[in-house]
Protein backbone atom coordinates (compact mmCIF):
# COMPACT_ATOMS: atom_id res chain seq x y z
CA MET A 1 0.00 0.00 0.00
CA SER A 2 1.23 3.43 -0.83
CA PRO A 3 -0.20 6.90 -0.96
CA ASP A 4 -0.46 6.67 -4.73
CA ASN A 5 -2.10 3.24 -4.62
CA PRO A 6 -4.12 2.67 -1.45
CA ASP A 7 -5.45 -0.63 -2.67
CA PRO A 8 -2.60 -3.13 -2.93
CA GLU A 9 -4.57 -5.42 -5.19
CA ARG A 10 -5.37 -2.67 -7.69
CA HIS A 11 -2.67 -1.69 -10.00
CA ALA A 12 -2.06 1.96 -10.82
CA ASP A 13 -3.96 2.85 -13.95
CA ILE A 14 -2.11 4.67 -16.63
CA SER A 15 -3.39 8.18 -16.97
CA ASP A 16 -5.46 8.67 -20.07
CA ASP A 17 -5.14 12.42 -19.91
CA ARG A 18 -2.28 12.39 -22.51
CA PRO A 19 -3.47 12.80 -26.11
CA ALA A 20 -2.91 9.84 -28.35
CA PRO A 21 -0.34 10.39 -31.16
CA PRO A 22 -1.89 10.81 -34.60
CA PRO A 23 -1.70 7.86 -36.89
CA PRO A 24 1.16 7.90 -39.43
CA SER A 25 -1.17 8.02 -42.39
CA ALA A 26 -3.10 10.99 -41.05
CA ALA A 27 -2.56 14.20 -43.08
CA PRO A 28 -1.44 17.30 -41.22
CA PRO A 29 -4.14 19.78 -40.39
CA PRO A 30 -4.62 22.43 -43.01
CA ASN A 31 -2.79 25.63 -42.35
CA GLU A 32 -4.79 28.75 -42.61
CA SER A 33 -1.83 30.60 -44.11
CA THR A 34 -1.47 28.08 -46.94
CA PRO A 35 -3.72 29.07 -49.84
CA PRO A 36 -5.54 26.44 -51.76
CA ALA A 37 -4.12 25.15 -55.02
CA GLY A 38 -4.77 27.34 -58.02
CA SER A 39 -5.26 30.55 -56.03
CA ALA A 40 -2.99 33.58 -56.30
CA VAL A 41 -0.39 33.99 -53.58
CA PRO A 42 -0.77 37.37 -51.87
CA PRO A 43 2.39 39.29 -51.06
CA SER A 44 3.58 38.61 -47.57
CA ALA A 45 4.30 41.35 -45.12
CA PRO A 46 7.88 41.91 -44.02
CA ASN A 47 8.95 39.70 -41.18
CA GLU A 48 9.95 41.19 -37.88
CA SER A 49 13.14 39.14 -37.86
CA THR A 50 14.03 40.57 -41.25
CA ALA A 51 13.44 44.11 -40.12
CA SER A 52 15.56 43.54 -37.03
CA GLY A 53 18.61 42.62 -39.15
CA SER A 54 18.51 38.80 -38.89
CA ALA A 55 17.69 38.22 -42.57
CA ASP A 56 18.86 35.13 -44.34
CA PRO A 57 22.15 35.92 -46.18
CA SER A 58 21.20 33.55 -48.99
CA ALA A 59 17.93 35.42 -49.70
CA PRO A 60 18.08 37.88 -52.62
CA SER A 61 18.07 41.55 -51.78
CA GLU A 62 17.19 44.59 -53.81
CA PHE A 63 20.52 46.13 -52.81
CA ALA A 64 22.65 43.17 -53.76
CA GLY A 65 24.60 43.50 -57.04
CA PRO A 66 25.65 40.80 -59.47
CA PRO A 67 27.64 37.92 -57.96
CA PHE A 68 31.37 38.38 -57.71
CA GLY A 69 33.31 37.11 -60.74
CA SER A 70 30.24 36.89 -62.97
CA VAL A 71 30.75 37.28 -66.72
CA PRO A 72 28.55 39.81 -68.54
CA ASP A 73 26.04 38.61 -71.03
CA ASP A 74 27.38 38.09 -74.54
CA SER A 75 24.41 39.93 -76.00
CA SER A 76 25.64 43.27 -74.67
CA ALA A 77 28.78 44.75 -76.15
CA VAL A 78 31.49 45.61 -73.64
CA THR A 79 33.62 48.69 -74.11
CA ALA A 80 37.16 47.84 -72.94
CA TYR A 81 38.82 51.14 -73.81
CA PRO A 82 37.70 54.72 -74.40
CA ILE A 83 36.73 55.96 -77.82
CA GLY A 84 39.64 57.29 -79.84
CA VAL A 85 42.32 55.13 -78.16
CA GLU A 86 43.58 52.29 -80.24
CA PRO A 87 45.33 49.48 -78.34
CA ALA A 88 48.70 48.39 -79.62
CA PHE A 89 48.71 44.83 -80.82
CA ASP A 90 51.76 42.94 -81.94
CA GLU A 91 51.81 42.78 -85.71
CA PRO A 92 52.62 39.51 -87.42
CA ARG A 93 56.19 39.13 -88.50
CA ARG A 94 56.78 40.05 -92.12
CA PRO A 95 60.46 39.56 -93.03
CA LEU A 96 60.11 41.20 -96.44
CA ARG A 97 58.52 44.32 -94.98
CA THR A 98 61.21 44.49 -92.30
CA VAL A 99 64.00 44.25 -94.87
CA ALA A 100 62.30 46.86 -97.05
CA THR A 101 62.01 49.22 -94.07
CA VAL A 102 65.69 48.89 -93.20
CA LEU A 103 66.79 49.40 -96.81
CA GLY A 104 64.51 52.39 -97.25
CA VAL A 105 65.80 54.06 -94.09
CA THR A 106 69.40 53.38 -95.10
CA LEU A 107 68.90 54.86 -98.55
CA ALA A 108 67.10 57.94 -97.22
CA LEU A 109 69.83 58.71 -94.69
CA ALA A 110 72.56 58.09 -97.27
CA VAL A 111 70.96 60.70 -99.55
CA LEU A 112 70.85 63.14 -96.63
CA GLY A 113 74.61 62.76 -96.39
CA ALA A 114 75.00 65.09 -99.39
CA PRO A 115 73.56 68.16 -97.60
CA LEU A 116 75.69 67.24 -94.59
CA GLY A 117 78.79 67.36 -96.79
CA LEU A 118 77.82 70.76 -98.18
CA LEU A 119 77.32 72.05 -94.65
CA TRP A 120 80.71 70.70 -93.60
CA ALA A 121 82.42 72.37 -96.57
CA ALA A 122 80.81 75.67 -95.63
CA PHE A 123 82.04 75.57 -92.01
CA ALA A 124 85.44 73.90 -92.42
CA PRO A 125 88.22 76.36 -93.34
CA ASP A 126 90.51 75.87 -96.33
CA THR A 127 94.20 75.30 -95.71
CA PRO A 128 96.69 77.80 -97.28
CA VAL A 129 99.46 76.16 -99.35
CA LEU A 130 102.43 77.23 -101.49
CA LYS A 131 103.36 75.88 -104.88
CA THR A 132 106.88 74.42 -105.13
CA ALA A 133 108.72 72.40 -107.71
CA GLU A 134 107.85 69.21 -105.79
CA GLY A 135 104.17 70.20 -105.36
CA ALA A 136 102.11 72.07 -102.80
CA ILE A 137 103.29 72.51 -99.21
CA TYR A 138 101.68 74.10 -96.17
CA ALA A 139 102.18 77.83 -96.01
CA GLU A 140 102.48 77.57 -92.20
CA THR A 141 104.64 75.20 -90.21
CA GLN A 142 101.79 73.85 -88.07
CA PRO A 143 98.49 74.83 -89.69
CA GLU A 144 95.31 74.59 -87.64
CA GLN A 145 92.90 74.34 -90.57
CA PRO A 146 93.15 70.54 -91.01
CA ILE A 147 92.41 70.03 -87.31
CA ALA A 148 89.46 72.39 -87.54
CA ALA A 149 88.13 70.48 -90.56
CA ASP A 150 88.23 67.21 -88.56
CA GLY A 151 86.54 68.89 -85.59
CA TRP A 152 83.72 70.34 -87.68
CA PHE A 153 83.07 67.02 -89.35
CA SER A 154 82.97 65.28 -85.96
CA LEU A 155 80.49 67.76 -84.47
CA LEU A 156 78.25 67.87 -87.52
CA GLY A 157 78.33 64.10 -87.92
CA LEU A 158 77.45 63.53 -84.26
CA ALA A 159 74.56 65.99 -84.47
CA PHE A 160 73.38 64.33 -87.69
CA GLY A 161 73.26 60.95 -85.96
CA VAL A 162 71.28 62.32 -83.01
CA LEU A 163 68.74 64.02 -85.26
CA ALA A 164 68.40 60.92 -87.43
CA ALA A 165 67.63 58.76 -84.37
CA LEU A 166 65.04 61.24 -83.11
CA ALA A 167 63.37 61.43 -86.51
CA LEU A 168 63.16 57.64 -86.85
CA TRP A 169 61.84 57.26 -83.30
CA PHE A 170 58.92 59.62 -83.84
CA LEU A 171 58.19 58.91 -87.50
CA LEU A 172 58.42 55.10 -87.46
CA ARG A 173 56.46 54.36 -84.30
CA ARG A 174 55.32 50.95 -85.49
CA ARG A 175 58.94 49.96 -86.22
CA ARG A 176 60.45 50.92 -82.91
CA GLY A 177 62.94 48.44 -81.60
CA PRO A 178 65.69 46.46 -83.35
CA VAL A 179 64.39 47.38 -86.81
CA GLY A 180 64.56 51.11 -86.14
CA LEU A 181 67.96 50.83 -84.46
CA LEU A 182 69.42 48.82 -87.34
CA GLY A 183 68.09 51.28 -89.90
CA ALA A 184 69.51 54.25 -87.99
CA VAL A 185 72.98 52.71 -87.64
CA LEU A 186 73.26 51.50 -91.24
CA GLY A 187 71.84 54.74 -92.61
CA THR A 188 74.30 56.95 -90.73
CA LEU A 189 77.17 54.65 -91.66
CA ALA A 190 76.25 55.18 -95.31
CA ALA A 191 75.70 58.93 -94.90
CA ALA A 192 79.14 59.64 -93.41
CA PRO A 193 81.23 58.63 -96.49
CA VAL A 194 78.77 60.44 -98.75
CA ALA A 195 79.17 63.62 -96.72
CA TRP A 196 82.94 63.29 -96.73
CA GLN A 197 83.20 62.82 -100.48
CA VAL A 198 80.74 65.62 -101.27
CA GLY A 199 82.40 68.10 -98.91
CA ARG A 200 85.97 67.43 -99.97
CA ARG A 201 85.12 67.89 -103.65
CA ILE A 202 83.89 71.44 -103.14
CA GLY A 203 86.75 73.47 -104.66
CA LEU A 204 88.87 70.42 -105.43
CA ALA A 205 88.80 71.04 -109.20
CA THR A 206 90.19 74.55 -108.72
CA PHE A 207 92.92 73.25 -106.43
CA ASP A 208 94.00 70.60 -108.99
CA ARG A 209 94.09 73.19 -111.76
CA LEU A 210 96.25 75.60 -109.74
CA LEU A 211 98.48 72.77 -108.64
CA ALA A 212 99.14 71.87 -112.27
CA THR A 213 99.46 75.36 -113.77
CA ALA A 214 100.55 77.74 -110.99
CA PRO A 215 104.18 78.84 -110.95
CA ALA A 216 106.44 78.04 -108.03
CA GLY A 217 105.89 80.26 -104.99
CA GLN A 218 102.24 81.03 -105.70
CA ALA A 219 99.92 80.76 -102.69
CA PHE A 220 96.42 79.30 -102.88
CA THR A 221 94.16 77.21 -100.70
CA LYS A 222 93.38 73.55 -100.41
CA PRO A 223 89.78 72.48 -99.68
CA ALA A 224 88.93 70.75 -96.41
CA ASP A 225 89.67 67.07 -96.04
CA LEU A 226 89.75 64.48 -93.28
CA ARG A 227 92.95 63.30 -91.67
CA ALA A 228 91.39 61.45 -88.70
CA GLY A 229 89.06 59.29 -90.74
CA GLY A 230 88.68 57.37 -93.96
CA ILE A 231 87.69 54.07 -95.52
CA ASP A 232 89.63 50.81 -95.63
CA TRP A 233 88.69 48.11 -98.11
CA LEU A 234 88.28 44.61 -96.80
CA GLY A 235 89.33 42.22 -99.56
CA HIS A 236 88.95 45.06 -102.10
CA VAL A 237 85.21 44.46 -101.90
CA LEU A 238 83.74 45.61 -98.59
CA PRO A 239 84.33 49.23 -97.47
CA VAL A 240 85.04 49.62 -93.76
CA PRO A 241 84.85 53.21 -92.42
CA HIS A 242 86.97 54.27 -89.46
CA GLY A 243 87.77 57.37 -87.45
CA ASN A 244 85.45 60.36 -87.80
CA LEU A 245 83.19 58.47 -90.18
CA LEU A 246 81.91 56.35 -87.29
CA LEU A 247 80.68 59.27 -85.19
CA PRO A 248 77.26 59.67 -86.92
CA ALA A 249 76.48 56.00 -86.33
CA PHE A 250 77.68 56.29 -82.73
CA GLY A 251 75.40 59.26 -82.06
CA ALA A 252 72.41 57.53 -83.66
CA ALA A 253 72.93 54.30 -81.70
CA VAL A 254 73.31 56.03 -78.34
CA THR A 255 70.33 58.33 -78.87
CA TYR A 256 68.01 55.55 -80.05
CA THR A 257 69.03 53.31 -77.16
CA LEU A 258 68.37 56.07 -74.62
CA LEU A 259 64.95 56.74 -76.10
CA ALA A 260 64.10 53.05 -75.85
CA GLY A 261 65.33 52.91 -72.25
CA TRP A 262 63.26 55.94 -71.22
CA SER A 263 60.10 54.71 -72.93
CA ARG A 264 57.25 53.97 -70.50
CA TRP A 265 55.72 51.35 -72.82
CA PRO A 266 57.19 47.82 -72.82
CA SER A 267 56.54 47.47 -76.55
CA LEU A 268 58.13 50.92 -77.21
CA ARG A 269 54.90 51.91 -78.98
CA PRO A 270 52.13 54.11 -77.56
CA GLU A 271 49.53 52.08 -75.68
CA PRO A 272 46.26 53.13 -73.99
CA ASP A 273 46.53 54.01 -70.32
CA PRO A 274 44.97 51.23 -68.16
CA ALA A 275 43.52 53.92 -65.87
CA THR A 276 41.31 55.14 -68.71
CA PHE A 277 39.76 51.71 -69.37
CA SER A 278 36.02 51.42 -68.69
CA TRP A 279 34.70 47.87 -68.40
CA VAL A 280 31.08 49.03 -68.48
CA SER A 281 28.59 47.21 -70.64
CA ALA A 282 27.47 49.30 -73.57
CA GLY A 283 23.95 47.80 -73.31
CA THR A 284 23.54 48.90 -69.68
CA PRO A 285 23.55 52.69 -69.38
CA ALA A 286 25.27 54.11 -66.35
CA PRO A 287 22.99 55.74 -63.73
CA THR A 288 22.83 59.50 -64.04
CA THR A 289 22.01 60.15 -60.37
CA ALA A 290 22.93 58.56 -57.08
CA PRO A 291 20.56 55.85 -55.79
CA GLU A 292 17.99 56.90 -53.21
CA PRO A 293 18.62 55.86 -49.58
CA PRO A 294 16.56 52.91 -48.32
CA ALA A 295 13.37 53.46 -46.35
CA PRO A 296 13.58 53.36 -42.53
CA GLY A 297 11.81 50.00 -42.35
CA ALA A 298 13.48 48.41 -45.37
CA ALA A 299 15.68 45.37 -45.05
CA GLU A 300 19.43 45.90 -44.90
CA PRO A 301 21.69 44.22 -47.44
CA PRO A 302 23.41 41.04 -46.26
CA ARG A 303 26.77 41.54 -44.63
CA GLY A 304 29.77 39.30 -44.70
């Protein structure tokens, strides 16, 4: 006998106050918030949890932009660089065009050697000589005119090489690099002998005539000529310049190399500035005004 069961022969009955579990096959009770099939779903009111900032991060938001790393649609054209700027693409190699460019530059600079020779003849002084029975001798013991002629040719030739390199750098922008450097060096090497021969022949016919017909003791002048430079023939076939004749090529090579070293473009050709690129889809116009701030009760965009 116990307080819970005063009758020892009567077992404690199980309380039937607990509700019996629903059978497995029983359908759940209909929810009043679930509309019947085929009816329109009314818009739901904002949830209090959403307004309080505990919105689901995976839910779409009106403030969320396109996913990170997404690729724009192919149907809309994408403008990768501003209008009027043409990107520099590497051109296909054309050996014949490269050879033609080098030969053309060499020929053009060689022709310009003639005006250089005329300029040298105008600046270089003539050397006074005396006619003797053995030929012409210097009128002075140590004349300075031959040294001045070498100095003028050196200065003019060096300036010619610098100007030639600058002209090729700015005129042949698509050929900057080894092609432009080779054309500048070969062209100035060809221009130097042309300038020398043109300059030294100014007045040479008069000097030869006086040398042949002038009596002994007559004074006249000899046109300018080089003593610190000339041409040696390799195997009587290939001319090899030396001395002052190498200064135009030296000036062109140094100037062109410095321009290439100071260039801010790796390809040595003008390229569009990456800061001016605009990867904005042409089919999607940019907003003209700033977006309006969200309403006080609107949901915040997901964070994190």
